[in-house]
Protein backbone atom coordinates (compact mmCIF):
# COMPACT_ATOMS: atom_id res chain seq x y z
CA UNK A 1 0.10 -0.04 0.14
CA UNK A 2 1.61 3.56 -0.97
CA UNK A 3 2.39 5.48 2.17
CA UNK A 4 3.07 2.54 4.26
CA UNK A 5 5.74 2.09 6.82
CA UNK A 6 7.71 -1.25 6.40
CA UNK A 7 9.89 -2.06 9.53
CA UNK A 8 13.52 -2.73 8.52
CA UNK A 9 15.24 -2.80 11.94
CA UNK A 10 13.87 -2.40 16.02
CA UNK A 11 15.86 -2.63 19.09
CA UNK A 12 14.58 -2.56 22.47
CA UNK A 13 16.88 -1.70 25.03
CA UNK A 14 16.21 -2.54 28.50
CA UNK A 15 19.68 -2.68 30.21
CA UNK A 16 22.04 -0.22 29.68
CA UNK A 17 23.88 0.20 26.37
CA UNK A 18 26.46 2.79 25.15
CA UNK A 19 24.87 3.15 21.47
CA UNK A 20 22.14 2.05 19.51
CA UNK A 21 22.80 1.26 15.52
CA UNK A 22 19.47 0.73 12.95
CA UNK A 23 21.26 -0.04 9.34
CA UNK A 24 19.03 -1.59 6.43
CA UNK A 25 18.93 1.62 4.37
CA UNK A 26 19.42 0.68 0.76
CA UNK A 27 17.87 1.79 -2.55
CA UNK A 28 14.64 -0.02 -1.90
CA UNK A 29 12.97 3.09 -0.40
CA UNK A 30 13.54 6.70 -0.93
CA UNK A 31 12.51 8.35 2.42
CA UNK A 32 12.84 6.51 5.97
CA UNK A 33 11.75 7.08 9.14
CA UNK A 34 13.31 6.60 12.55
CA UNK A 35 11.33 6.40 15.69
CA UNK A 36 12.84 6.50 19.32
CA UNK A 37 9.96 5.61 21.79
CA UNK A 38 10.34 6.16 25.62
CA UNK A 39 14.18 6.66 25.88
CA UNK A 40 15.72 6.96 29.25
CA UNK A 41 19.31 7.48 30.26
CA UNK A 42 21.46 6.19 33.10
CA UNK A 43 23.35 9.20 33.72
CA UNK A 44 21.57 12.67 34.83
CA UNK A 45 22.17 15.51 32.56
CA UNK A 46 23.58 13.74 29.67
CA UNK A 47 22.66 14.20 25.90
CA UNK A 48 21.24 11.92 23.34
CA UNK A 49 23.39 12.53 19.66
CA UNK A 50 22.54 10.73 16.26
CA UNK A 51 25.21 10.00 13.39
CA UNK A 52 24.95 8.37 9.78
CA UNK A 53 26.44 5.17 9.62
CA UNK A 54 28.64 3.79 6.34
CA UNK A 55 28.80 0.40 5.93
CA UNK A 56 27.66 -0.07 9.42
CA UNK A 57 29.79 2.30 10.93
CA UNK A 58 29.34 5.74 12.47
CA UNK A 59 30.37 8.63 10.91
CA UNK A 60 32.02 10.85 13.24
CA UNK A 61 33.45 13.78 10.78
CA UNK A 62 32.94 17.21 11.80
CA UNK A 63 30.44 17.25 8.77
CA UNK A 64 26.87 17.82 10.84
CA UNK A 65 24.84 20.88 10.32
CA UNK A 66 21.46 21.75 12.38
CA UNK A 67 18.90 24.09 13.13
CA UNK A 68 16.18 23.69 15.37
CA UNK A 69 13.17 25.50 17.26
CA UNK A 70 12.52 24.39 20.63
CA UNK A 71 9.19 24.61 21.83
CA UNK A 72 9.40 25.19 25.98
CA UNK A 73 6.84 24.99 28.60
CA UNK A 74 8.91 26.97 31.21
CA UNK A 75 9.92 30.00 28.89
CA UNK A 76 9.49 30.98 25.43
CA UNK A 77 10.92 29.20 22.35
CA UNK A 78 14.71 29.04 21.47
CA UNK A 79 16.27 29.17 18.20
CA UNK A 80 19.47 26.28 17.74
CA UNK A 81 21.55 26.14 14.75
CA UNK A 82 25.38 24.70 14.58
CA UNK A 83 27.24 23.66 11.90
CA UNK A 84 30.20 21.38 11.15
CA UNK A 85 29.81 19.21 14.36
CA UNK A 86 30.49 15.82 14.90
CA UNK A 87 26.60 14.43 15.08
CA UNK A 88 23.61 16.15 15.48
CA UNK A 89 22.63 16.67 19.31
CA UNK A 90 18.99 15.87 20.43
CA UNK A 91 18.14 16.88 24.03
CA UNK A 92 19.77 16.68 27.35
CA UNK A 93 17.42 13.79 29.68
CA UNK A 94 18.08 13.06 33.38
CA UNK A 95 17.23 10.10 35.45
CA UNK A 96 14.36 11.21 37.52
CA UNK A 97 10.82 9.04 37.26
CA UNK A 98 9.01 10.45 33.78
CA UNK A 99 12.21 12.26 32.31
CA UNK A 100 12.06 10.59 28.94
CA UNK A 101 12.75 11.03 25.22
CA UNK A 102 10.30 10.34 22.17
CA UNK A 103 11.16 11.37 18.42
CA UNK A 104 10.45 10.91 14.83
CA UNK A 105 13.33 11.69 12.52
CA UNK A 106 12.83 11.25 8.58
CA UNK A 107 15.64 10.22 6.52
CA UNK A 108 16.55 11.44 3.12
CA UNK A 109 19.03 11.04 0.44
CA UNK A 110 20.84 8.09 2.71
CA UNK A 111 20.85 5.87 -0.02
CA UNK A 112 22.30 8.66 -2.97
CA UNK A 113 25.88 8.80 -3.28
CA UNK A 114 26.04 11.81 -5.32
CA UNK A 115 23.57 14.13 -2.62
CA UNK A 116 23.84 14.93 1.35
CA UNK A 117 22.28 12.84 3.79
CA UNK A 118 19.87 15.28 5.82
CA UNK A 119 16.85 14.69 8.10
CA UNK A 120 14.00 16.29 9.67
CA UNK A 121 13.43 15.83 13.28
CA UNK A 122 10.29 16.07 15.82
CA UNK A 123 10.36 15.59 19.33
CA UNK A 124 8.76 15.49 22.63
CA UNK A 125 10.54 14.93 25.99
CA UNK A 126 10.80 16.05 29.70
CA UNK A 127 14.21 16.90 29.84
CA UNK A 128 16.70 17.11 33.16
CA UNK A 129 15.31 20.30 34.32
CA UNK A 130 11.78 18.53 34.65
CA UNK A 131 10.63 20.71 31.34
CA UNK A 132 8.29 19.43 29.04
CA UNK A 133 9.77 20.48 25.27
CA UNK A 134 9.36 19.80 21.94
CA UNK A 135 11.70 20.14 18.92
CA UNK A 136 11.18 20.84 15.28
CA UNK A 137 13.76 20.97 12.65
CA UNK A 138 16.31 19.39 10.79
CA UNK A 139 19.64 18.49 9.94
CA UNK A 140 21.90 17.79 7.13
CA UNK A 141 25.50 15.35 6.87
CA UNK A 142 27.43 17.16 4.47
CA UNK A 143 29.44 14.53 2.59
CA UNK A 144 27.70 13.17 -0.45
CA UNK A 145 28.12 9.55 0.47
CA UNK A 146 25.52 6.18 0.81
CA UNK A 147 24.85 6.13 4.23
CA UNK A 148 23.22 2.73 5.45
CA UNK A 149 21.68 3.54 8.85
CA UNK A 150 21.69 5.60 12.11
CA UNK A 151 23.55 5.44 14.93
CA UNK A 152 22.27 6.81 18.71
CA UNK A 153 24.24 7.35 21.54
CA UNK A 154 24.61 9.62 24.56
CA UNK A 155 27.74 11.72 25.64
CA UNK A 156 27.76 10.40 29.11
CA UNK A 157 26.67 7.24 30.66
CA UNK A 158 24.69 4.73 28.90
CA UNK A 159 21.16 4.48 27.06
CA UNK A 160 18.99 2.59 29.69
CA UNK A 161 15.75 1.67 28.08
CA UNK A 162 13.52 2.74 24.96
CA UNK A 163 12.56 1.17 21.71
CA UNK A 164 14.37 2.49 18.40
CA UNK A 165 12.78 1.54 14.98
CA UNK A 166 13.93 1.88 11.60
CA UNK A 167 11.22 2.13 9.13
CA UNK A 168 11.25 2.49 5.00
CA UNK A 169 8.39 4.56 3.47
CA UNK A 170 6.90 2.85 0.49
CA UNK A 171 6.10 5.00 -2.35
């Protein structure tokens, strides 16, 4: 059926891991979707990051650019933009009850070696400052190469739990 999501890979984390890598992006679909559901961390104040993978290995070059609008319940919105990073940042989470991260990330041009891979991101989370936030934005990996997946990791500690699913979007 046109417009259907086809599950490519899924990892459910139930005990602490340093990172999650989902691969399986190929020329089958033009657009892929990553769903991160109920992610928690084991270290307070840690930030979740994303990297593209090439042949299953996370690309840690300084070629990640991003621009987000952060919608916040405690104050006005924030604009965030950065260039030449080593990954795309998500948000800072904590370890208190209810601090959790969720996102939908659409992945474009990952299977096209002549184009930059880019993503759009929509999130909802309860942060380490007990603030409900949402992010809307996107990012680009400014290298014309084929990427076969996405790597999710934290800057400190581990991913404690969550479900991470990669889908292909059927035309």
